[in-house]
């Protein structure tokens, strides 16, 4: 009898949790984009603007140095699949670090926890980024601007792992950023540096050999190599280690959930 009661209580708790997070997601949609203007479509426009800027940079660079066509890969696809994961895990830190500050009016509800706000914001960010990148890829393929992915299952697996990584990364760094000013400053520096060390815009194989082992110590570079492997296939050898990447996903998720429990009982110091 007690087992049935406990099971029923657990199911009811999960249903309530789902309803709470769903309500917070809907609130975040209205808060972030409102009911007018282009609203949710801004996600796609933002992706296009940023990627177009990087496309121009790489195109100009390739004129005097090397051609992406000579490497047998599409410049447009290279920029598209490179920048999308970077935007996801960089953006997750920002939205999670501001989650409590943006929802102070709801903190008087006893049933709402800090993790609820983090989950709602991250789910919206992940769904929005996933929808935008796969729509852009689909449109690019439809209009013959980019080739079809060579290994779609691997590409999907790599993206799912990046979403997992972004959750743990955003939760861990985002909570620390909201609590400590020095972490906030360090993160701003790292966020800029990530453009160059994320692996989004290079193959590990094409960097100096003595730097490759150090590059592969960074978990996000392993994920970036998986993305490229999934999209472009075996044309250029990649050096990803999915198990190493998954290990970091686990570590960051555990640390993020632990920090949420530690700091979730009081407001961030910077409020």
Protein backbone atom coordinates (compact mmCIF):
# COMPACT_ATOMS: atom_id res chain seq x y z
CA UNK A 1 0.00 0.00 0.00
CA UNK A 2 2.75 2.44 0.97
CA UNK A 3 4.56 1.73 -2.32
CA UNK A 4 1.43 2.68 -4.30
CA UNK A 5 1.04 5.86 -2.25
CA UNK A 6 4.67 6.84 -2.80
CA UNK A 7 4.42 6.12 -6.53
CA UNK A 8 1.22 8.17 -6.77
CA UNK A 9 2.85 11.03 -4.86
CA UNK A 10 5.92 10.94 -7.12
CA UNK A 11 3.82 11.01 -10.29
CA UNK A 12 1.75 13.89 -8.93
CA UNK A 13 4.93 15.80 -8.05
CA UNK A 14 6.29 15.34 -11.56
CA UNK A 15 3.00 16.49 -13.09
CA UNK A 16 3.04 19.62 -10.93
CA UNK A 17 6.70 20.22 -11.82
CA UNK A 18 5.87 19.91 -15.52
CA UNK A 19 2.98 22.37 -15.20
CA UNK A 20 5.16 24.86 -13.31
CA UNK A 21 7.97 24.75 -15.87
CA UNK A 22 5.48 24.93 -18.75
CA UNK A 23 3.86 28.03 -17.23
CA UNK A 24 7.28 29.64 -16.75
CA UNK A 25 8.26 28.85 -20.35
CA UNK A 26 5.08 30.54 -21.63
CA UNK A 27 5.79 33.52 -19.39
CA UNK A 28 9.35 33.73 -20.71
CA UNK A 29 8.07 33.71 -24.30
CA UNK A 30 5.78 36.67 -23.60
CA UNK A 31 8.43 38.48 -21.57
CA UNK A 32 11.20 38.04 -24.12
CA UNK A 33 9.35 38.57 -27.39
CA UNK A 34 5.89 39.85 -26.46
CA UNK A 35 2.86 39.59 -28.68
CA UNK A 36 3.91 42.00 -31.42
CA UNK A 37 6.70 42.62 -33.92
CA UNK A 38 8.55 39.56 -35.28
CA UNK A 39 8.62 37.92 -31.85
CA UNK A 40 9.93 34.37 -31.93
CA UNK A 41 11.20 34.87 -35.49
CA UNK A 42 13.93 37.10 -34.06
CA UNK A 43 15.82 33.90 -33.16
CA UNK A 44 16.17 33.09 -36.86
CA UNK A 45 17.01 36.66 -37.84
CA UNK A 46 19.66 36.90 -35.13
CA UNK A 47 21.26 33.63 -36.23
CA UNK A 48 21.30 34.80 -39.85
CA UNK A 49 22.85 38.19 -39.06
CA UNK A 50 25.65 36.76 -36.92
CA UNK A 51 26.40 33.90 -39.31
CA UNK A 52 26.38 36.23 -42.31
CA UNK A 53 28.99 38.42 -40.59
CA UNK A 54 31.23 35.41 -39.99
CA UNK A 55 30.60 34.19 -43.54
CA UNK A 56 31.87 37.52 -44.89
CA UNK A 57 34.99 37.30 -42.69
CA UNK A 58 35.80 33.77 -43.83
CA UNK A 59 35.01 34.55 -47.45
CA UNK A 60 37.36 37.55 -47.51
CA UNK A 61 40.03 35.54 -45.69
CA UNK A 62 39.75 32.63 -48.12
CA UNK A 63 40.37 34.87 -51.14
CA UNK A 64 43.97 35.52 -50.21
CA UNK A 65 44.77 32.30 -48.37
CA UNK A 66 42.85 29.16 -49.21
CA UNK A 67 39.56 28.20 -50.69
CA UNK A 68 36.99 26.17 -48.77
CA UNK A 69 36.00 24.68 -52.10
CA UNK A 70 39.56 23.34 -52.42
CA UNK A 71 39.03 21.54 -49.11
CA UNK A 72 35.83 20.07 -50.51
CA UNK A 73 33.53 21.67 -47.93
CA UNK A 74 30.85 24.35 -48.15
CA UNK A 75 31.80 27.65 -46.50
CA UNK A 76 28.13 28.40 -45.77
CA UNK A 77 27.56 25.03 -44.10
CA UNK A 78 30.87 25.31 -42.24
CA UNK A 79 29.86 28.64 -40.68
CA UNK A 80 26.29 27.48 -40.06
CA UNK A 81 27.10 24.31 -38.14
CA UNK A 82 30.09 25.88 -36.41
CA UNK A 83 28.45 28.92 -34.90
CA UNK A 84 25.11 27.41 -33.83
CA UNK A 85 26.47 25.24 -30.94
CA UNK A 86 28.68 28.12 -29.80
CA UNK A 87 25.68 30.43 -29.62
CA UNK A 88 23.78 27.78 -27.67
CA UNK A 89 26.21 27.22 -24.81
CA UNK A 90 27.37 30.83 -24.65
CA UNK A 91 23.77 32.01 -24.59
CA UNK A 92 22.83 29.49 -21.90
CA UNK A 93 25.19 31.19 -19.44
CA UNK A 94 23.60 34.59 -20.06
CA UNK A 95 20.00 33.47 -19.76
CA UNK A 96 20.62 31.38 -16.63
CA UNK A 97 22.73 34.04 -14.87
CA UNK A 98 19.84 36.51 -15.28
CA UNK A 99 17.04 34.04 -14.53
CA UNK A 100 16.43 34.98 -10.89
CA UNK A 101 16.98 38.69 -11.40
CA UNK A 102 14.36 38.73 -14.16
CA UNK A 103 11.78 36.85 -12.09
CA UNK A 104 12.02 38.48 -8.65
CA UNK A 105 8.28 39.18 -8.69
CA UNK A 106 7.58 35.43 -8.58
CA UNK A 107 9.91 34.57 -5.73
CA UNK A 108 7.18 34.95 -3.10
CA UNK A 109 5.60 31.71 -4.36
CA UNK A 110 6.89 29.00 -2.04
CA UNK A 111 6.54 26.22 -4.61
CA UNK A 112 8.81 27.92 -7.11
CA UNK A 113 12.49 27.04 -6.91
CA UNK A 114 15.50 28.55 -8.62
CA UNK A 115 15.88 25.41 -10.74
CA UNK A 116 12.39 25.97 -12.17
CA UNK A 117 13.46 29.32 -13.60
CA UNK A 118 16.72 27.88 -14.91
CA UNK A 119 14.93 24.98 -16.60
CA UNK A 120 12.27 27.19 -18.17
CA UNK A 121 14.81 29.60 -19.60
CA UNK A 122 17.12 26.89 -20.87
CA UNK A 123 14.31 24.87 -22.48
CA UNK A 124 13.18 27.96 -24.37
CA UNK A 125 16.75 28.73 -25.45
CA UNK A 126 17.47 25.14 -26.52
CA UNK A 127 14.20 24.69 -28.43
CA UNK A 128 14.58 28.06 -30.13
CA UNK A 129 18.17 27.42 -31.19
CA UNK A 130 17.41 23.88 -32.33
CA UNK A 131 14.44 25.02 -34.40
CA UNK A 132 16.37 27.89 -35.97
CA UNK A 133 19.49 25.91 -36.91
CA UNK A 134 17.59 22.99 -38.43
CA UNK A 135 15.25 25.34 -40.31
CA UNK A 136 18.25 27.23 -41.71
CA UNK A 137 19.94 23.96 -42.71
CA UNK A 138 16.72 22.74 -44.36
CA UNK A 139 16.30 26.00 -46.28
CA UNK A 140 19.95 25.93 -47.30
CA UNK A 141 19.58 22.39 -48.66
CA UNK A 142 16.27 23.23 -50.37
CA UNK A 143 17.77 26.21 -52.21
CA UNK A 144 20.94 24.23 -52.99
CA UNK A 145 23.14 26.57 -50.95
CA UNK A 146 24.64 23.79 -48.83
CA UNK A 147 25.01 20.01 -49.30
CA UNK A 148 23.10 17.31 -47.47
CA UNK A 149 24.68 16.02 -44.23
CA UNK A 150 26.83 12.96 -44.83
CA UNK A 151 25.96 11.27 -41.53
CA UNK A 152 22.66 12.57 -40.20
CA UNK A 153 22.43 10.24 -37.13
CA UNK A 154 25.88 11.38 -35.96
CA UNK A 155 24.97 15.02 -36.59
CA UNK A 156 21.77 14.67 -34.52
CA UNK A 157 23.66 12.84 -31.76
CA UNK A 158 26.31 15.58 -31.68
CA UNK A 159 23.66 18.29 -31.47
CA UNK A 160 21.79 16.49 -28.66
CA UNK A 161 25.05 16.17 -26.74
CA UNK A 162 25.70 19.87 -27.28
CA UNK A 163 22.28 20.67 -25.82
CA UNK A 164 23.17 18.51 -22.81
CA UNK A 165 26.57 20.19 -22.55
CA UNK A 166 24.98 23.66 -22.82
CA UNK A 167 22.62 22.84 -19.94
CA UNK A 168 25.41 21.77 -17.58
CA UNK A 169 27.78 24.49 -18.76
CA UNK A 170 25.15 27.23 -18.55
CA UNK A 171 23.90 26.08 -15.16
CA UNK A 172 27.38 25.85 -13.62
CA UNK A 173 28.85 29.06 -15.04
CA UNK A 174 25.57 30.99 -15.00
CA UNK A 175 24.92 30.43 -11.29
CA UNK A 176 28.51 31.35 -10.40
CA UNK A 177 28.29 34.48 -12.58
CA UNK A 178 25.15 35.55 -10.70
CA UNK A 179 26.88 35.09 -7.36
CA UNK A 180 30.43 36.39 -7.80
CA UNK A 181 31.58 39.51 -9.59
CA UNK A 182 35.02 38.09 -10.36
CA UNK A 183 33.43 35.09 -12.10
CA UNK A 184 31.29 37.50 -14.11
CA UNK A 185 34.42 39.36 -15.26
CA UNK A 186 36.25 36.11 -16.04
CA UNK A 187 33.25 34.84 -18.02
CA UNK A 188 33.11 38.00 -20.17
CA UNK A 189 36.75 37.41 -21.11
CA UNK A 190 36.16 33.70 -21.77
CA UNK A 191 33.02 34.40 -23.82
CA UNK A 192 35.09 36.47 -26.25
CA UNK A 193 37.96 33.97 -26.25
CA UNK A 194 35.57 31.10 -27.05
CA UNK A 195 35.14 32.49 -30.56
CA UNK A 196 38.75 31.48 -31.21
CA UNK A 197 39.06 28.33 -29.06
CA UNK A 198 35.61 26.79 -29.47
CA UNK A 199 36.57 24.70 -32.48
CA UNK A 200 33.65 26.24 -34.34
CA UNK A 201 35.80 27.67 -37.10
CA UNK A 202 38.62 25.21 -37.51
CA UNK A 203 39.41 21.52 -37.79
CA UNK A 204 41.80 20.14 -35.18
CA UNK A 205 43.59 18.36 -38.04
CA UNK A 206 44.46 21.72 -39.64
CA UNK A 207 46.13 23.28 -36.58
CA UNK A 208 49.79 22.62 -35.65
CA UNK A 209 50.35 19.06 -34.44
CA UNK A 210 51.84 20.10 -31.10
CA UNK A 211 48.62 22.02 -30.28
CA UNK A 212 46.18 19.26 -31.19
CA UNK A 213 46.39 17.29 -27.93
CA UNK A 214 45.84 20.48 -25.91
CA UNK A 215 42.91 21.51 -28.08
CA UNK A 216 41.23 18.14 -27.56
CA UNK A 217 41.38 18.64 -23.78
CA UNK A 218 38.63 21.24 -24.23
CA UNK A 219 35.30 19.37 -24.22
CA UNK A 220 33.52 21.71 -26.61
CA UNK A 221 36.16 21.10 -29.30
CA UNK A 222 35.33 17.38 -29.20
CA UNK A 223 31.69 18.31 -29.73
CA UNK A 224 32.60 20.64 -32.60
CA UNK A 225 34.59 17.85 -34.25
CA UNK A 226 31.56 15.54 -33.93
CA UNK A 227 29.33 18.13 -35.59
CA UNK A 228 31.75 18.50 -38.53
CA UNK A 229 32.16 14.73 -38.81
CA UNK A 230 28.40 14.30 -38.94
CA UNK A 231 27.87 16.97 -41.56
CA UNK A 232 30.90 16.62 -43.84
CA UNK A 233 31.69 12.96 -43.26
CA UNK A 234 35.17 11.51 -43.65
CA UNK A 235 36.39 14.12 -46.12
CA UNK A 236 38.62 15.71 -43.47
CA UNK A 237 39.63 13.48 -40.57
CA UNK A 238 38.25 14.52 -37.17
CA UNK A 239 39.60 13.66 -33.73
CA UNK A 240 36.54 13.76 -31.48
CA UNK A 241 36.17 11.62 -28.37
CA UNK A 242 32.41 11.26 -27.67
CA UNK A 243 33.03 9.52 -24.33
CA UNK A 244 35.22 12.38 -23.11
CA UNK A 245 32.58 14.87 -24.23
CA UNK A 246 29.83 12.88 -22.48
CA UNK A 247 31.93 12.71 -19.30
CA UNK A 248 32.16 16.50 -19.23
CA UNK A 249 28.41 16.72 -19.82
CA UNK A 250 27.87 14.56 -16.73
CA UNK A 251 30.37 16.52 -14.62
CA UNK A 252 28.89 19.90 -15.57
CA UNK A 253 25.30 18.71 -15.08
CA UNK A 254 26.14 17.38 -11.61
CA UNK A 255 28.00 20.57 -10.65
CA UNK A 256 25.20 22.75 -12.03
CA UNK A 257 22.46 20.92 -10.14
CA UNK A 258 24.58 21.00 -6.97
CA UNK A 259 25.13 24.76 -7.29
CA UNK A 260 21.42 25.23 -7.92
CA UNK A 261 20.67 23.45 -4.66
CA UNK A 262 23.32 25.43 -2.75
CA UNK A 263 22.41 28.88 -4.05
CA UNK A 264 18.75 28.25 -4.84
CA UNK A 265 17.54 29.16 -1.37
CA UNK A 266 18.52 32.82 -1.50
CA UNK A 267 18.79 35.64 -3.99
CA UNK A 268 21.99 36.24 -5.96
CA UNK A 269 24.31 38.68 -4.25
CA UNK A 270 24.18 41.08 -7.21
CA UNK A 271 20.41 41.63 -7.04
